Amino acid sequence: MVAARRITTLLTRKTSRNSILPVRTLLCPIQLRRPASASASQLTVNNNSISVPTGLFIDGEFVTSKAGNLFTSENPSTGQELLKIQEGREEDVDEAVKVARRTFDDGSWSGSNPLQRAKLLNNLADVFEKNAEEIVALECADTGKTLNQCSKLDVPGSIGTLRYYAGWADKVLGTTSFNIPGVFAYTRREPIGVCGQIIPWNFPLMMFIWKIAPALACGNTIVIKSAEATPLSALKACEYIQQAGFPKGVVNLVSGYGKTVGNAIAHHMDIDKLAFTGSTATGRSILKASASSNLKKVTLELGGKSPNIVFPDADMEKAVDWSAWGINMNFGQTCHAGTRIYVHESVYEKFLNAYTERMKQVKVGSSFEDGVDQGPMNSKMQYDKILGYIESGINEGATVHLGGKPIESKKGYHIEPTIFTNVKPEMKIMRDEIFGPVVCIVPFSSEEEVLRVANDTRYGLAAAIHTKDYERAIRMTNGLKAGTTWVNMYNLIHYSIPFGGYKESGIGMECGEAALDMYTATKAVYYNTGMPCPS
């Protein structure tokens, strides 16, 4: 039994994105056992006491890990411990998969009435709405997000995603055909089976919901791993899943590290599909794991280095505001952040001056401070990585136009909003995903030139242009090699619109109707209505 503890604090420190290391496939069969139950801890966040489950969530219960190990959730504003939770290992993944397989195969979920699945997804949305203040506070505490962004984006977006896929549950349809003489043919879209899911630290709640909602709507069962850096909202979401009335074994959560839990999910022979959001390097390892195990179907949403292009006819005030939001959303800790800003040379100085003044207005502080626009970076590791890229930019000859320093007067992992100018295409700050509040602003002279340099990246997740010329807008959005493009805006991602990347930014789609294809298998059925057997 895990002893309950009371902790009074505000926020947490984190580690890096999930990492998967190639190790052996789990082959040793184990017997399902009933682990000891794990009790919750009380966490005081922004003067409110929140009960947080600390166990693995397997077969509808919070339980201790087989090894009994714990790991620490920390505070990004202070680097101090928030609480300890159960650390899963390979054997816990194996047990969770056995539970998910048993639940899928018995048909109680996979064969259930789609309207019942829709009802439960809506029930879960109701529970989130009822506890919105609590989950907002916990998400801010776990990530360093600002109260404003989390309450307006993350939690409402998660609730909306649940309701959106509840609406799809009874609309996952096949097709019929009478094209072949003497044959009636039809297709069935069936749930794939047991789905492994691995989510990142930057949007832990929203990514948890993005992953489970379409999978559940289609009738799959789930084994999911939260990021070791931000485990708390997923644990609370599983408590809400209990309250919403989901059958036991449908959703299973194994908290832990990428090299153990993530790796075990990626290599497991009885997981039918794997969805991952995180770094491109880890995505490569997951593809290798699929190839070396059972060729499980894989969806990857990976990194980005997105261009944001401002033409001379753009509404300059709006272009500045949207470009600022392109990096201020989650403090640049988004895969689709607009970190490469290209501005036409005729308006470059005007834009640079206005954008600089806009970024000077960004208020940096802790999550719960009034009027804060940017909180701490998610972890010491991420903080050091960002500062390393800033140092690299300086060493390679770029100019720090604004910021470029840690904010040492504040506790935690705070970095000034940073603008680089005089940047060359080959510099690391122009090639690599920094994942922090750092942008490069570069002039261009022609549409052809900017399209070439915008596409000169191994990534292809997102891009934006700002112009009043609709013909140019169509030419540019057609020419940009990115899965999401915006015109006169930035960083709008909606659960009803497909989201995915080109090139090294991923495989497959999240969100929208397209996500249903990621969680179903299509079966073709031919029915003989009079075709004679060939002689």
Protein backbone atom coordinates (compact mmCIF):
# COMPACT_ATOMS: atom_id res chain seq x y z
CA MET A 1 0.00 0.00 0.00
CA VAL A 2 1.27 3.45 -0.86
CA ALA A 3 1.00 5.75 2.12
CA ALA A 4 -1.02 8.90 1.62
CA ARG A 5 0.89 12.14 2.02
CA ARG A 6 -0.03 15.82 2.16
CA ILE A 7 2.08 18.21 0.12
CA THR A 8 1.66 21.98 0.03
CA THR A 9 3.14 23.58 -3.10
CA LEU A 10 2.19 25.11 -6.42
CA LEU A 11 3.96 23.59 -9.41
CA THR A 12 6.38 20.87 -10.84
CA ARG A 13 9.72 20.20 -12.58
CA LYS A 14 9.97 17.79 -15.53
CA THR A 15 12.30 15.70 -17.68
CA SER A 16 12.56 15.45 -21.47
CA ARG A 17 10.20 14.02 -24.06
CA ASN A 18 9.64 10.29 -24.20
CA SER A 19 12.64 8.22 -25.31
CA ILE A 20 12.50 4.65 -26.56
CA LEU A 21 15.60 2.48 -26.52
CA PRO A 22 15.65 -0.78 -28.48
CA VAL A 23 15.59 -3.70 -26.08
CA ARG A 24 14.25 -7.25 -26.15
CA THR A 25 10.62 -8.03 -26.89
CA LEU A 26 8.62 -9.22 -23.90
CA LEU A 27 8.14 -12.95 -24.39
CA CYS A 28 7.83 -14.40 -20.89
CA PRO A 29 4.19 -15.14 -20.07
CA ILE A 30 3.00 -14.05 -16.64
CA GLN A 31 -0.14 -14.82 -14.69
CA LEU A 32 -2.56 -12.00 -14.02
CA ARG A 33 -2.52 -11.22 -10.34
CA ARG A 34 -4.45 -8.78 -8.21
CA PRO A 35 -1.93 -6.13 -7.15
CA ALA A 36 -2.19 -4.13 -3.97
CA SER A 37 -4.35 -1.03 -4.32
CA ALA A 38 -2.57 2.34 -4.37
CA SER A 39 -3.93 5.22 -2.35
CA ALA A 40 -4.11 8.85 -3.42
CA SER A 41 -2.06 11.82 -2.22
CA GLN A 42 -3.41 15.21 -1.34
CA LEU A 43 -1.82 18.04 -3.30
CA THR A 44 -2.46 21.68 -2.47
CA VAL A 45 -2.46 23.74 -5.66
CA ASN A 46 -3.19 27.46 -5.64
CA ASN A 47 -4.73 27.11 -2.16
CA ASN A 48 -6.99 24.23 -3.23
CA SER A 49 -6.56 20.65 -2.02
CA ILE A 50 -6.69 18.07 -4.81
CA SER A 51 -6.68 14.31 -4.37
CA VAL A 52 -4.29 12.75 -6.91
CA PRO A 53 -4.18 8.98 -7.56
CA THR A 54 -0.63 7.65 -7.37
CA GLY A 55 -0.97 4.11 -8.75
CA LEU A 56 -0.94 2.45 -12.12
CA PHE A 57 -4.46 2.21 -13.55
CA ILE A 58 -5.01 -1.40 -14.61
CA ASP A 59 -8.31 -3.26 -14.94
CA GLY A 60 -10.26 -0.32 -13.57
CA GLU A 61 -8.26 0.06 -10.34
CA PHE A 62 -5.28 2.09 -9.14
CA VAL A 63 -2.64 -0.43 -8.10
CA THR A 64 0.99 -0.61 -7.08
CA SER A 65 3.62 -1.60 -9.60
CA LYS A 66 4.99 -5.13 -9.41
CA ALA A 67 8.43 -3.88 -8.40
CA GLY A 68 7.02 -1.29 -6.01
CA ASN A 69 9.27 1.49 -7.35
CA LEU A 70 8.31 5.16 -7.22
CA PHE A 71 9.33 8.20 -9.23
CA THR A 72 9.01 11.89 -8.47
CA SER A 73 6.87 14.58 -10.00
CA GLU A 74 8.57 17.94 -9.58
CA ASN A 75 7.77 21.62 -9.74
CA PRO A 76 8.95 23.66 -12.80
CA SER A 77 8.64 26.89 -10.83
CA THR A 78 10.92 25.70 -8.02
CA GLY A 79 12.50 22.36 -8.97
CA GLN A 80 11.07 20.91 -5.76
CA GLU A 81 9.15 17.67 -5.37
CA LEU A 82 5.39 17.64 -5.74
CA LEU A 83 4.71 13.97 -5.01
CA LYS A 84 5.82 10.42 -5.70
CA ILE A 85 3.85 8.02 -7.91
CA GLN A 86 4.13 4.38 -8.86
CA GLU A 87 6.72 3.63 -11.55
CA GLY A 88 5.66 0.97 -14.01
CA ARG A 89 8.07 -1.44 -15.66
CA GLU A 90 7.93 -4.01 -18.48
CA GLU A 91 6.05 -6.55 -16.37
CA ASP A 92 3.34 -3.96 -15.60
CA VAL A 93 2.93 -3.23 -19.30
CA ASP A 94 2.59 -6.95 -19.93
CA GLU A 95 -0.16 -7.23 -17.34
CA ALA A 96 -1.98 -4.16 -18.67
CA VAL A 97 -1.86 -5.62 -22.19
CA LYS A 98 -3.28 -8.94 -20.95
CA VAL A 99 -6.15 -7.06 -19.33
CA ALA A 100 -6.77 -4.96 -22.44
CA ARG A 101 -6.64 -8.07 -24.67
CA ARG A 102 -9.06 -9.98 -22.47
CA THR A 103 -11.45 -7.02 -22.43
CA PHE A 104 -11.26 -6.58 -26.18
CA ASP A 105 -11.68 -10.25 -27.01
CA ASP A 106 -14.70 -10.81 -24.75
CA GLY A 107 -16.65 -8.31 -26.86
CA SER A 108 -18.03 -6.37 -23.91
CA TRP A 109 -16.47 -3.18 -25.32
CA SER A 110 -15.48 -3.95 -28.91
CA GLY A 111 -18.90 -5.43 -29.62
CA SER A 112 -20.92 -2.97 -27.54
CA ASN A 113 -23.63 -0.71 -28.90
CA PRO A 114 -21.88 2.37 -30.34
CA LEU A 115 -24.49 4.54 -28.65
CA GLN A 116 -23.31 3.19 -25.30
CA ARG A 117 -19.73 4.13 -26.15
CA ALA A 118 -20.98 7.59 -27.13
CA LYS A 119 -22.85 7.90 -23.84
CA LEU A 120 -19.75 7.06 -21.82
CA LEU A 121 -17.58 9.51 -23.75
CA ASN A 122 -20.17 12.21 -23.07
CA ASN A 123 -20.29 11.12 -19.42
CA LEU A 124 -16.53 11.62 -19.24
CA ALA A 125 -16.89 15.08 -20.76
CA ASP A 126 -19.51 15.85 -18.10
CA VAL A 127 -17.13 14.80 -15.34
CA PHE A 128 -14.41 17.03 -16.77
CA GLU A 129 -16.82 19.96 -16.96
CA LYS A 130 -17.90 19.41 -13.37
CA ASN A 131 -14.27 19.35 -12.22
CA ALA A 132 -12.86 21.89 -14.68
CA GLU A 133 -11.33 24.14 -12.02
CA GLU A 134 -9.62 21.17 -10.39
CA ILE A 135 -8.13 19.73 -13.58
CA VAL A 136 -6.99 23.19 -14.76
CA ALA A 137 -5.12 23.72 -11.49
CA LEU A 138 -3.55 20.26 -11.64
CA GLU A 139 -2.48 20.69 -15.27
CA CYS A 140 -0.88 24.05 -14.49
CA ALA A 141 0.86 22.52 -11.47
CA ASP A 142 2.22 19.62 -13.50
CA THR A 143 3.43 21.56 -16.54
CA GLY A 144 4.05 25.22 -15.69
CA LYS A 145 1.30 26.31 -18.10
CA THR A 146 -0.39 29.61 -17.37
CA LEU A 147 -3.83 29.57 -15.81
CA ASN A 148 -5.14 31.66 -18.71
CA GLN A 149 -3.97 29.33 -21.50
CA CYS A 150 -4.89 26.12 -19.71
CA SER A 151 -8.40 27.27 -18.78
CA LYS A 152 -9.14 28.67 -22.25
CA LEU A 153 -7.43 26.07 -24.44
CA ASP A 154 -6.35 22.78 -22.90
CA VAL A 155 -9.34 21.84 -20.79
CA PRO A 156 -12.12 23.15 -23.09
CA GLY A 157 -10.32 21.52 -26.03
CA SER A 158 -10.19 18.20 -24.20
CA ILE A 159 -13.88 18.33 -23.34
CA GLY A 160 -14.75 19.27 -26.92
CA THR A 161 -12.69 16.36 -28.25
CA LEU A 162 -14.61 13.88 -26.08
CA ARG A 163 -17.96 15.19 -27.27
CA TYR A 164 -16.81 15.30 -30.91
CA TYR A 165 -15.83 11.62 -30.94
CA ALA A 166 -18.91 10.67 -28.96
CA GLY A 167 -20.79 11.97 -31.98
CA TRP A 168 -18.76 9.73 -34.30
CA ALA A 169 -19.22 6.48 -32.36
CA ASP A 170 -22.28 5.31 -34.34
CA LYS A 171 -21.07 6.73 -37.69
CA VAL A 172 -18.03 4.53 -38.33
CA LEU A 173 -19.58 3.06 -41.45
CA GLY A 174 -18.59 0.75 -44.29
CA THR A 175 -19.58 0.83 -47.96
CA THR A 176 -21.66 -1.40 -50.23
CA SER A 177 -21.19 -2.36 -53.88
CA PHE A 178 -23.25 -4.05 -56.59
CA ASN A 179 -20.65 -3.32 -59.26
CA ILE A 180 -19.73 -6.98 -59.81
CA PRO A 181 -22.45 -8.99 -61.61
CA GLY A 182 -23.79 -11.73 -59.36
CA VAL A 183 -21.99 -10.39 -56.29
CA PHE A 184 -22.97 -8.19 -53.39
CA ALA A 185 -19.87 -6.74 -51.66
CA TYR A 186 -19.56 -4.61 -48.59
CA THR A 187 -16.90 -3.37 -46.19
CA ARG A 188 -16.78 -3.34 -42.43
CA ARG A 189 -14.68 -0.97 -40.36
CA GLU A 190 -13.71 -2.91 -37.29
CA PRO A 191 -11.76 -1.84 -34.20
CA ILE A 192 -8.09 -2.76 -34.52
CA GLY A 193 -7.77 -4.27 -31.06
CA VAL A 194 -5.38 -3.33 -28.25
CA CYS A 195 -3.92 0.12 -28.83
CA GLY A 196 -0.70 1.29 -27.23
CA GLN A 197 -0.43 5.04 -26.82
CA ILE A 198 2.49 7.21 -25.69
CA ILE A 199 1.95 10.91 -25.02
CA PRO A 200 4.32 13.90 -24.54
CA TRP A 201 4.88 16.31 -21.68
CA ASN A 202 3.89 19.58 -23.35
CA PHE A 203 0.10 18.98 -23.57
CA PRO A 204 -0.39 15.99 -21.26
CA LEU A 205 -4.15 16.29 -20.72
CA MET A 206 -5.07 17.22 -24.27
CA MET A 207 -2.84 14.53 -25.76
CA PHE A 208 -4.34 11.94 -23.40
CA ILE A 209 -7.81 12.84 -24.69
CA TRP A 210 -6.72 13.15 -28.34
CA LYS A 211 -5.40 9.60 -28.09
CA ILE A 212 -8.15 7.81 -26.18
CA ALA A 213 -11.28 9.48 -27.62
CA PRO A 214 -11.14 8.21 -31.25
CA ALA A 215 -9.77 4.83 -30.13
CA LEU A 216 -12.65 4.34 -27.69
CA ALA A 217 -15.28 5.59 -30.13
CA CYS A 218 -14.20 2.82 -32.53
CA GLY A 219 -14.34 0.09 -29.86
CA ASN A 220 -10.65 -0.45 -29.09
CA THR A 221 -9.06 -1.06 -25.70
CA ILE A 222 -6.04 0.93 -24.56
CA VAL A 223 -2.71 0.75 -22.75
CA ILE A 224 -1.38 4.30 -22.47
CA LYS A 225 1.83 5.77 -21.08
CA SER A 226 1.95 9.36 -19.85
CA ALA A 227 5.17 11.37 -20.01
CA GLU A 228 7.31 10.76 -16.93
CA ALA A 229 7.64 14.55 -16.69
CA THR A 230 3.91 15.28 -16.49
CA PRO A 231 2.00 12.27 -15.13
CA LEU A 232 -0.60 13.91 -12.91
CA SER A 233 -3.43 14.90 -15.25
CA ALA A 234 -3.50 11.43 -16.84
CA LEU A 235 -3.85 9.88 -13.39
CA LYS A 236 -6.71 12.22 -12.56
CA ALA A 237 -8.32 11.53 -15.94
CA CYS A 238 -8.36 7.81 -15.11
CA GLU A 239 -10.18 8.62 -11.88
CA TYR A 240 -12.72 10.49 -14.00
CA ILE A 241 -12.95 7.46 -16.29
CA GLN A 242 -13.98 5.41 -13.25
CA GLN A 243 -16.60 7.99 -12.34
CA ALA A 244 -17.95 8.12 -15.90
CA GLY A 245 -18.79 4.40 -15.74
CA PHE A 246 -16.39 2.86 -18.27
CA PRO A 247 -16.04 -0.93 -17.97
CA LYS A 248 -12.92 -2.21 -16.28
CA GLY A 249 -9.99 -2.96 -18.55
CA VAL A 250 -10.99 -0.62 -21.40
CA VAL A 251 -8.43 2.06 -20.50
CA ASN A 252 -5.20 1.13 -18.71
CA LEU A 253 -2.47 3.60 -17.72
CA VAL A 254 1.11 2.60 -16.94
CA SER A 255 3.14 5.57 -15.71
CA GLY A 256 6.90 5.36 -16.05
CA TYR A 257 9.92 6.04 -18.22
CA GLY A 258 10.33 5.77 -21.97
CA LYS A 259 13.24 3.33 -21.81
CA THR A 260 11.14 0.83 -19.85
CA VAL A 261 7.39 1.41 -20.21
CA GLY A 262 7.49 3.12 -23.60
CA ASN A 263 9.91 0.58 -24.97
CA ALA A 264 7.80 -2.32 -23.72
CA ILE A 265 4.69 -0.89 -25.40
CA ALA A 266 6.56 -0.33 -28.67
CA HIS A 267 7.93 -3.90 -28.78
CA HIS A 268 4.94 -5.77 -27.33
CA MET A 269 3.76 -8.64 -29.52
CA ASP A 270 0.12 -8.35 -28.42
CA ILE A 271 -0.40 -4.64 -29.09
CA ASP A 272 -2.08 -4.15 -32.47
CA LYS A 273 -1.59 -0.42 -32.98
CA LEU A 274 0.69 2.24 -31.50
CA ALA A 275 0.11 6.00 -31.49
CA PHE A 276 2.96 8.25 -30.38
CA THR A 277 3.44 12.00 -30.02
CA GLY A 278 6.95 13.24 -29.32
CA SER A 279 10.36 13.70 -30.88
CA THR A 280 11.32 12.56 -34.37
CA ALA A 281 14.25 10.58 -32.95
CA THR A 282 11.93 8.56 -30.73
CA GLY A 283 9.50 8.14 -33.62
CA ARG A 284 12.26 6.43 -35.61
CA SER A 285 12.87 4.04 -32.71
CA ILE A 286 9.16 3.21 -32.57
CA LEU A 287 9.09 2.38 -36.27
CA LYS A 288 12.07 0.07 -35.75
CA ALA A 289 10.29 -1.54 -32.80
CA SER A 290 7.20 -2.16 -34.92
CA ALA A 291 9.31 -3.72 -37.67
CA SER A 292 11.20 -5.96 -35.25
CA SER A 293 8.10 -7.11 -33.35
CA ASN A 294 4.68 -7.72 -34.90
CA LEU A 295 4.47 -4.92 -37.52
CA LYS A 296 1.87 -3.12 -35.43
CA LYS A 297 0.13 -0.23 -37.17
CA VAL A 298 1.86 3.04 -36.19
CA THR A 299 0.74 6.67 -36.02
CA LEU A 300 3.42 9.26 -35.30
CA GLU A 301 3.01 12.99 -34.59
CA LEU A 302 6.56 14.32 -34.37
CA GLY A 303 8.66 17.47 -34.45
CA GLY A 304 8.52 20.65 -36.47
CA LYS A 305 10.41 23.79 -37.47
CA SER A 306 7.57 25.80 -38.92
CA PRO A 307 7.87 28.84 -41.19
CA ASN A 308 5.70 31.92 -40.66
CA ILE A 309 5.74 34.23 -43.70
CA VAL A 310 4.75 37.91 -43.75
CA PHE A 311 4.16 39.57 -47.13
CA PRO A 312 4.22 43.37 -47.58
CA ASP A 313 0.46 43.63 -48.13
CA ALA A 314 -0.36 41.93 -44.81
CA ASP A 315 -2.31 43.72 -42.09
CA MET A 316 0.82 44.46 -40.05
CA GLU A 317 -0.84 44.76 -36.66
CA LYS A 318 -2.63 41.43 -37.05
CA ALA A 319 0.49 39.78 -38.47
CA VAL A 320 2.47 40.88 -35.42
CA ASP A 321 -0.19 39.65 -32.99
CA TRP A 322 -0.60 36.27 -34.68
CA SER A 323 3.16 35.82 -35.06
CA ALA A 324 3.58 36.54 -31.35
CA TRP A 325 0.93 33.93 -30.58
CA GLY A 326 2.85 31.60 -32.87
CA ILE A 327 5.58 31.41 -30.22
CA ASN A 328 3.77 32.51 -27.05
CA MET A 329 1.35 29.57 -27.10
CA ASN A 330 2.78 27.27 -24.43
CA PHE A 331 5.99 29.39 -24.51
CA GLY A 332 7.21 27.81 -27.74
CA GLN A 333 6.89 24.31 -26.30
CA THR A 334 4.72 23.15 -29.19
CA CYS A 335 5.72 21.08 -32.21
CA HIS A 336 4.02 23.55 -34.56
CA ALA A 337 5.48 26.76 -33.10
CA GLY A 338 6.24 29.48 -35.65
CA THR A 339 9.96 29.72 -34.98
CA ARG A 340 11.17 30.77 -38.46
CA ILE A 341 9.61 34.14 -39.28
CA TYR A 342 10.26 35.32 -42.85
CA VAL A 343 9.35 38.97 -43.55
CA HIS A 344 9.46 40.72 -46.91
CA GLU A 345 12.43 43.08 -47.06
CA SER A 346 10.22 46.12 -47.79
CA VAL A 347 8.48 45.80 -44.41
CA TYR A 348 11.17 43.94 -42.47
CA GLU A 349 12.24 46.80 -40.20
CA LYS A 350 8.65 47.86 -39.57
CA PHE A 351 7.64 44.33 -38.61
CA LEU A 352 10.78 43.73 -36.53
CA ASN A 353 10.24 46.90 -34.50
CA ALA A 354 6.55 46.20 -33.90
CA TYR A 355 7.16 42.53 -33.08
CA THR A 356 9.96 43.45 -30.66
CA GLU A 357 7.70 45.86 -28.81
CA ARG A 358 4.98 43.18 -28.68
CA MET A 359 7.36 40.61 -27.19
CA LYS A 360 8.64 43.11 -24.63
CA GLN A 361 5.09 43.14 -23.25
CA VAL A 362 5.16 39.40 -22.50
CA LYS A 363 4.89 38.96 -18.73
CA VAL A 364 6.93 36.04 -17.42
CA GLY A 365 6.05 34.46 -14.08
CA SER A 366 4.50 31.47 -12.35
CA SER A 367 1.34 29.80 -13.60
CA PHE A 368 -1.06 31.36 -11.14
CA GLU A 369 0.18 34.97 -11.20
CA ASP A 370 -2.30 37.48 -12.58
CA GLY A 371 -1.66 38.52 -16.16
CA VAL A 372 1.20 36.08 -16.78
CA ASP A 373 1.78 35.21 -20.44
CA GLN A 374 4.76 32.85 -20.07
CA GLY A 375 5.44 30.41 -17.28
CA PRO A 376 8.55 28.34 -16.56
CA MET A 377 10.03 25.91 -19.04
CA ASN A 378 8.80 22.41 -18.34
CA SER A 379 12.01 21.01 -16.83
CA LYS A 380 15.64 21.68 -15.99
CA MET A 381 16.60 19.51 -18.95
CA GLN A 382 14.45 21.53 -21.34
CA TYR A 383 15.66 24.80 -19.81
CA ASP A 384 19.30 23.80 -20.35
CA LYS A 385 18.58 22.62 -23.89
CA ILE A 386 17.01 25.97 -24.85
CA LEU A 387 19.89 27.95 -23.33
CA GLY A 388 22.28 25.68 -25.23
CA TYR A 389 20.60 26.59 -28.52
CA ILE A 390 20.75 30.29 -27.65
CA GLU A 391 24.48 29.95 -26.97
CA SER A 392 24.88 28.07 -30.26
CA GLY A 393 23.16 30.88 -32.16
CA ILE A 394 25.49 33.46 -30.63
CA ASN A 395 28.58 31.35 -31.33
CA GLU A 396 27.54 30.85 -34.97
CA GLY A 397 27.24 34.61 -35.48
CA ALA A 398 23.53 35.39 -35.13
CA THR A 399 22.47 38.56 -33.30
CA VAL A 400 20.38 38.42 -30.14
CA HIS A 401 17.93 41.20 -30.90
CA LEU A 402 15.88 40.63 -27.73
CA GLY A 403 16.21 38.44 -24.64
CA GLY A 404 18.53 35.49 -24.82
CA LYS A 405 19.04 35.07 -21.10
CA PRO A 406 17.62 33.10 -18.17
CA ILE A 407 15.58 35.12 -15.72
CA GLU A 408 17.61 34.48 -12.60
CA SER A 409 15.54 36.82 -10.44
CA LYS A 410 12.71 34.28 -10.52
CA LYS A 411 12.66 30.78 -9.09
CA GLY A 412 12.37 27.94 -11.54
CA TYR A 413 13.14 27.53 -15.21
CA HIS A 414 12.32 30.91 -16.75
CA ILE A 415 13.87 32.21 -19.99
CA GLU A 416 13.39 35.59 -21.62
CA PRO A 417 11.41 35.68 -24.89
CA THR A 418 14.21 35.69 -27.46
CA ILE A 419 14.53 37.10 -30.98
CA PHE A 420 17.49 36.31 -33.26
CA THR A 421 18.36 38.33 -36.37
CA ASN A 422 21.24 38.07 -38.88
CA VAL A 423 20.57 34.34 -39.07
CA LYS A 424 21.98 32.03 -41.73
CA PRO A 425 20.04 29.00 -43.07
CA GLU A 426 22.70 26.51 -41.92
CA MET A 427 22.67 27.61 -38.27
CA LYS A 428 21.33 25.14 -35.71
CA ILE A 429 18.77 27.65 -34.48
CA MET A 430 17.30 27.64 -37.99
CA ARG A 431 17.49 23.86 -38.51
CA ASP A 432 16.62 22.25 -35.17
CA GLU A 433 13.45 22.18 -33.12
CA ILE A 434 14.31 24.27 -30.04
CA PHE A 435 10.99 23.87 -28.22
CA GLY A 436 11.16 27.14 -26.33
CA PRO A 437 10.48 30.92 -26.59
CA VAL A 438 13.02 31.53 -29.37
CA VAL A 439 12.35 32.87 -32.89
CA CYS A 440 14.51 33.84 -35.85
CA ILE A 441 13.37 36.75 -38.06
CA VAL A 442 14.77 36.76 -41.60
CA PRO A 443 14.10 39.05 -44.60
CA PHE A 444 13.18 37.73 -48.06
CA SER A 445 12.80 39.39 -51.46
CA SER A 446 10.43 37.24 -53.55
CA GLU A 447 7.66 34.67 -53.30
CA GLU A 448 9.81 32.07 -55.06
CA GLU A 449 12.70 32.61 -52.65
CA VAL A 450 10.62 32.38 -49.50
CA LEU A 451 8.81 29.26 -50.67
CA ARG A 452 12.17 27.59 -51.31
CA VAL A 453 13.67 28.48 -47.91
CA ALA A 454 10.42 27.75 -46.05
CA ASN A 455 10.43 24.20 -47.45
CA ASP A 456 14.16 23.77 -46.82
CA THR A 457 13.68 21.70 -43.67
CA ARG A 458 13.40 18.03 -42.81
CA TYR A 459 10.15 18.81 -41.03
CA GLY A 460 6.71 19.54 -42.44
CA LEU A 461 4.23 19.97 -39.62
CA ALA A 462 2.86 23.50 -40.03
CA ALA A 463 3.33 26.82 -41.85
CA ALA A 464 1.60 30.19 -42.13
CA ILE A 465 1.40 33.17 -44.46
CA HIS A 466 0.07 36.68 -43.92
CA THR A 467 -1.30 38.45 -47.01
CA LYS A 468 -4.44 40.13 -48.36
CA ASP A 469 -3.86 38.63 -51.82
CA TYR A 470 -6.08 35.54 -52.02
CA GLU A 471 -4.39 34.26 -55.18
CA ARG A 472 -1.01 34.41 -53.47
CA ALA A 473 -2.51 32.72 -50.42
CA ILE A 474 -3.69 29.80 -52.56
CA ARG A 475 -0.36 29.52 -54.40
CA MET A 476 1.62 29.57 -51.17
CA THR A 477 -0.56 27.16 -49.19
CA ASN A 478 -0.45 24.77 -52.16
CA GLY A 479 3.32 25.07 -52.36
CA LEU A 480 4.18 24.77 -48.66
CA LYS A 481 5.13 21.22 -47.67
CA ALA A 482 3.31 21.10 -44.37
CA GLY A 483 0.36 19.21 -42.95
CA THR A 484 -1.31 22.33 -41.55
CA THR A 485 -1.16 25.79 -43.13
CA TRP A 486 -2.71 29.01 -41.88
CA VAL A 487 -3.59 32.23 -43.68
CA ASN A 488 -3.54 35.42 -41.59
CA MET A 489 -3.42 33.50 -38.32
CA TYR A 490 -1.29 31.02 -36.41
CA ASN A 491 -1.56 28.14 -33.92
CA LEU A 492 -5.22 27.25 -34.33
CA ILE A 493 -5.55 23.49 -33.99
CA HIS A 494 -9.10 22.15 -33.67
CA TYR A 495 -10.18 18.61 -32.80
CA SER A 496 -12.57 18.48 -35.77
CA ILE A 497 -9.83 19.14 -38.37
CA PRO A 498 -7.17 16.53 -39.29
CA PHE A 499 -3.69 17.23 -37.89
CA GLY A 500 -0.51 15.55 -39.08
CA GLY A 501 2.80 16.18 -40.76
CA TYR A 502 4.78 15.81 -43.95
CA LYS A 503 8.34 14.45 -44.17
CA GLU A 504 9.92 13.78 -40.75
CA SER A 505 7.01 15.36 -38.87
CA GLY A 506 5.04 12.16 -38.74
CA ILE A 507 2.88 9.40 -40.17
CA GLY A 508 -0.91 9.37 -40.08
CA MET A 509 -3.37 11.86 -38.65
CA GLU A 510 -4.76 13.01 -35.34
CA CYS A 511 -8.17 14.68 -34.96
CA GLY A 512 -11.13 14.95 -37.26
CA GLU A 513 -12.78 12.07 -39.07
CA ALA A 514 -9.32 11.07 -40.35
CA ALA A 515 -8.33 9.84 -36.88
CA LEU A 516 -11.01 7.14 -37.07
CA ASP A 517 -9.08 5.53 -39.93
CA MET A 518 -6.10 5.23 -37.60
CA TYR A 519 -8.13 3.09 -35.17
CA THR A 520 -10.08 0.85 -37.54
CA ALA A 521 -9.28 -2.01 -39.90
CA THR A 522 -11.31 -2.38 -43.10
CA LYS A 523 -12.63 -5.82 -43.97
CA ALA A 524 -14.05 -6.60 -47.42
CA VAL A 525 -16.88 -9.16 -47.69
CA TYR A 526 -18.01 -10.73 -51.00
CA TYR A 527 -21.45 -12.38 -51.05
CA ASN A 528 -22.34 -14.59 -54.01
CA THR A 529 -25.79 -13.70 -55.35
CA GLY A 530 -25.57 -15.75 -58.54
CA MET A 531 -22.05 -15.73 -59.96
CA PRO A 532 -21.17 -19.15 -61.40
CA CYS A 533 -17.88 -20.74 -60.47
CA PRO A 534 -15.26 -20.25 -63.21
CA SER A 535 -14.59 -23.47 -65.13
